[in-house]
């Protein structure tokens, strides 16, 4: 209002759009390559979903399975968007840990000997620490790292070694 009593008014209508709420879940945050995880979004008020799996791959599916092909630590992110341009980002608190597969290998002190001779098996598996061992030597099972076995029955005998790391 000025001294003559004149005035002017400006007005507008503004909109506060509903913001989406990014919510999601996944299980199995640790495993060996290839590690497959099922991601599911239960975001609220979202018209669109964008997943960033932390390894260079992305998806716009609401529920998706993703395969981590290389060992490493990955930080998945979910972005929920609305048609009005609002968005919410969820960074998962627990990263995905993908571990390399162990490699089974062994040496034996001799590949041919008389019946009753002792064969000394030596694991050359990697990584060297943290593995569990499942040997099958001539139909018998052993769980030691480096078993010594006397083969009493003449003939050809199969030997196999399965190694498992703590991640499965």
Protein backbone atom coordinates (compact mmCIF):
# COMPACT_ATOMS: atom_id res chain seq x y z
CA UNK A 1 0.00 0.00 0.00
CA UNK A 2 1.32 3.42 -0.89
CA UNK A 3 0.29 6.80 0.58
CA UNK A 4 -2.66 7.05 -1.84
CA UNK A 5 -3.96 3.64 -0.75
CA UNK A 6 -3.12 1.76 -3.96
CA UNK A 7 -1.88 -1.78 -3.76
CA UNK A 8 -1.17 -4.84 -5.85
CA UNK A 9 -1.14 -8.52 -5.06
CA UNK A 10 0.70 -11.35 -6.74
CA UNK A 11 -0.25 -14.95 -6.14
CA UNK A 12 0.55 -18.38 -7.44
CA UNK A 13 -0.40 -21.95 -6.84
CA UNK A 14 2.53 -24.19 -6.01
CA UNK A 15 2.60 -27.95 -5.83
CA UNK A 16 4.46 -30.10 -3.34
CA UNK A 17 4.66 -33.48 -5.02
CA UNK A 18 4.83 -36.70 -3.10
CA UNK A 19 8.44 -37.83 -2.88
CA UNK A 20 9.21 -41.50 -3.48
CA UNK A 21 10.82 -43.52 -0.71
CA UNK A 22 13.49 -45.93 -1.90
CA UNK A 23 13.20 -49.24 -0.07
CA UNK A 24 14.71 -52.54 -1.06
CA UNK A 25 16.09 -55.79 0.12
CA UNK A 26 18.52 -58.43 -0.95
CA UNK A 27 20.13 -61.43 0.66
CA UNK A 28 23.39 -63.25 0.30
CA UNK A 29 25.79 -60.34 0.53
CA UNK A 30 28.83 -62.61 0.42
CA UNK A 31 29.80 -65.43 -1.90
CA UNK A 32 32.17 -66.69 -4.56
CA UNK A 33 32.18 -65.80 -8.26
CA UNK A 34 29.90 -66.00 -10.04
CA UNK A 35 27.74 -64.64 -7.22
CA UNK A 36 24.04 -64.20 -8.03
CA UNK A 37 21.90 -61.90 -5.88
CA UNK A 38 18.17 -61.26 -6.13
CA UNK A 39 17.36 -57.58 -5.55
CA UNK A 40 13.79 -56.46 -4.88
CA UNK A 41 12.41 -52.95 -4.61
CA UNK A 42 9.46 -52.24 -2.37
CA UNK A 43 9.81 -48.49 -2.81
CA UNK A 44 6.84 -46.26 -2.00
CA UNK A 45 5.32 -43.70 -4.40
CA UNK A 46 7.86 -44.61 -7.10
CA UNK A 47 7.06 -44.48 -10.81
CA UNK A 48 10.54 -45.64 -11.81
CA UNK A 49 13.38 -47.69 -10.38
CA UNK A 50 17.09 -47.53 -11.19
CA UNK A 51 19.55 -50.05 -9.79
CA UNK A 52 23.31 -49.46 -9.83
CA UNK A 53 24.98 -52.69 -8.77
CA UNK A 54 28.37 -51.07 -8.19
CA UNK A 55 30.16 -53.10 -10.87
CA UNK A 56 29.19 -51.02 -13.90
CA UNK A 57 25.89 -52.81 -14.53
CA UNK A 58 22.48 -51.23 -14.01
CA UNK A 59 18.81 -52.15 -14.33
CA UNK A 60 15.40 -50.50 -14.31
CA UNK A 61 13.48 -53.64 -13.30
CA UNK A 62 11.63 -53.59 -9.99
CA UNK A 63 12.91 -57.05 -9.07
CA UNK A 64 16.10 -58.29 -10.68
CA UNK A 65 18.75 -60.96 -10.37
CA UNK A 66 22.29 -59.73 -10.84
CA UNK A 67 25.44 -61.78 -11.31
CA UNK A 68 28.74 -60.48 -9.98
CA UNK A 69 31.34 -62.04 -12.27
CA UNK A 70 34.54 -60.72 -10.67
CA UNK A 71 35.87 -60.76 -7.12
CA UNK A 72 35.60 -57.47 -5.26
CA UNK A 73 33.58 -55.28 -2.93
CA UNK A 74 30.54 -53.65 -4.48
CA UNK A 75 28.15 -50.99 -3.18
CA UNK A 76 24.62 -51.42 -4.64
CA UNK A 77 22.43 -48.32 -4.93
CA UNK A 78 18.70 -47.98 -5.62
CA UNK A 79 17.18 -44.76 -6.93
CA UNK A 80 13.38 -44.44 -6.84
CA UNK A 81 11.92 -41.69 -9.05
CA UNK A 82 8.49 -40.16 -9.56
CA UNK A 83 6.93 -38.77 -12.73
CA UNK A 84 7.07 -35.33 -11.09
CA UNK A 85 10.88 -35.44 -10.99
CA UNK A 86 11.31 -36.30 -7.34
CA UNK A 87 13.75 -39.01 -6.31
CA UNK A 88 15.14 -40.84 -3.32
CA UNK A 89 18.41 -42.75 -3.17
CA UNK A 90 19.13 -45.81 -1.02
CA UNK A 91 22.75 -46.82 -0.53
CA UNK A 92 22.85 -50.26 1.02
CA UNK A 93 24.57 -50.33 4.40
CA UNK A 94 26.22 -53.71 3.76
CA UNK A 95 28.37 -53.96 0.65
CA UNK A 96 28.42 -57.06 -1.53
CA UNK A 97 31.61 -59.08 -1.01
CA UNK A 98 32.50 -61.38 -3.91
CA UNK A 99 35.38 -63.74 -3.29
CA UNK A 100 37.53 -65.68 -5.75
CA UNK A 101 36.98 -69.40 -6.02
CA UNK A 102 39.64 -71.59 -4.49
CA UNK A 103 41.79 -73.64 -6.85
CA UNK A 104 42.37 -77.31 -6.01
CA UNK A 105 45.79 -78.74 -6.86
CA UNK A 106 48.09 -81.32 -5.33
CA UNK A 107 51.34 -83.22 -5.70
CA UNK A 108 52.04 -86.80 -4.75
CA UNK A 109 55.51 -88.09 -3.88
CA UNK A 110 55.13 -91.03 -6.29
CA UNK A 111 52.60 -92.11 -8.88
CA UNK A 112 53.59 -95.78 -8.96
CA UNK A 113 54.81 -98.01 -6.13
CA UNK A 114 54.43 -101.48 -4.70
CA UNK A 115 51.29 -102.38 -2.78
CA UNK A 116 51.64 -101.39 0.85
CA UNK A 117 53.76 -98.36 -0.06
CA UNK A 118 52.91 -95.02 1.43
CA UNK A 119 51.83 -92.21 -0.88
CA UNK A 120 52.31 -88.68 0.46
CA UNK A 121 49.81 -86.17 -0.90
CA UNK A 122 50.63 -82.48 -0.66
CA UNK A 123 47.98 -79.82 -1.31
CA UNK A 124 49.12 -77.04 -3.64
CA UNK A 125 45.67 -75.42 -3.50
CA UNK A 126 45.20 -71.69 -3.33
CA UNK A 127 44.72 -69.66 -1.38
CA UNK A 128 46.82 -71.65 1.06
CA UNK A 129 44.96 -70.48 4.18
CA UNK A 130 41.36 -70.94 5.23
CA UNK A 131 40.47 -73.94 3.08
CA UNK A 132 38.77 -77.18 4.08
CA UNK A 133 39.86 -80.34 2.29
CA UNK A 134 37.90 -83.31 1.04
CA UNK A 135 40.23 -85.93 -0.42
CA UNK A 136 38.98 -89.14 -1.99
CA UNK A 137 41.87 -91.57 -2.32
CA UNK A 138 41.07 -95.05 -3.56
CA UNK A 139 37.47 -94.73 -2.29
CA UNK A 140 38.42 -93.48 1.18
CA UNK A 141 37.79 -89.94 2.44
CA UNK A 142 40.35 -87.75 4.22
CA UNK A 143 40.02 -84.19 5.49
CA UNK A 144 43.63 -83.38 6.39
CA UNK A 145 45.62 -80.92 4.30
CA UNK A 146 48.35 -83.40 3.34
CA UNK A 147 47.32 -87.03 3.89
CA UNK A 148 49.73 -89.95 3.86
CA UNK A 149 48.08 -93.15 2.64
CA UNK A 150 49.39 -96.70 2.34
CA UNK A 151 47.62 -98.47 -0.54
CA UNK A 152 47.40 -102.16 0.22
CA UNK A 153 45.30 -103.29 -2.76
CA UNK A 154 47.16 -103.50 -6.09
CA UNK A 155 45.61 -101.68 -9.03
CA UNK A 156 44.81 -98.26 -10.39
CA UNK A 157 43.33 -95.90 -7.80
CA UNK A 158 41.48 -92.64 -8.38
CA UNK A 159 42.47 -89.59 -6.37
CA UNK A 160 40.43 -86.39 -6.15
CA UNK A 161 40.61 -83.27 -4.02
CA UNK A 162 37.80 -80.79 -3.34
CA UNK A 163 38.74 -77.57 -1.53
CA UNK A 164 36.20 -75.17 -0.07
CA UNK A 165 36.83 -71.68 1.22
CA UNK A 166 34.88 -70.13 4.13
CA UNK A 167 32.52 -68.41 1.66
CA UNK A 168 31.07 -71.63 0.26
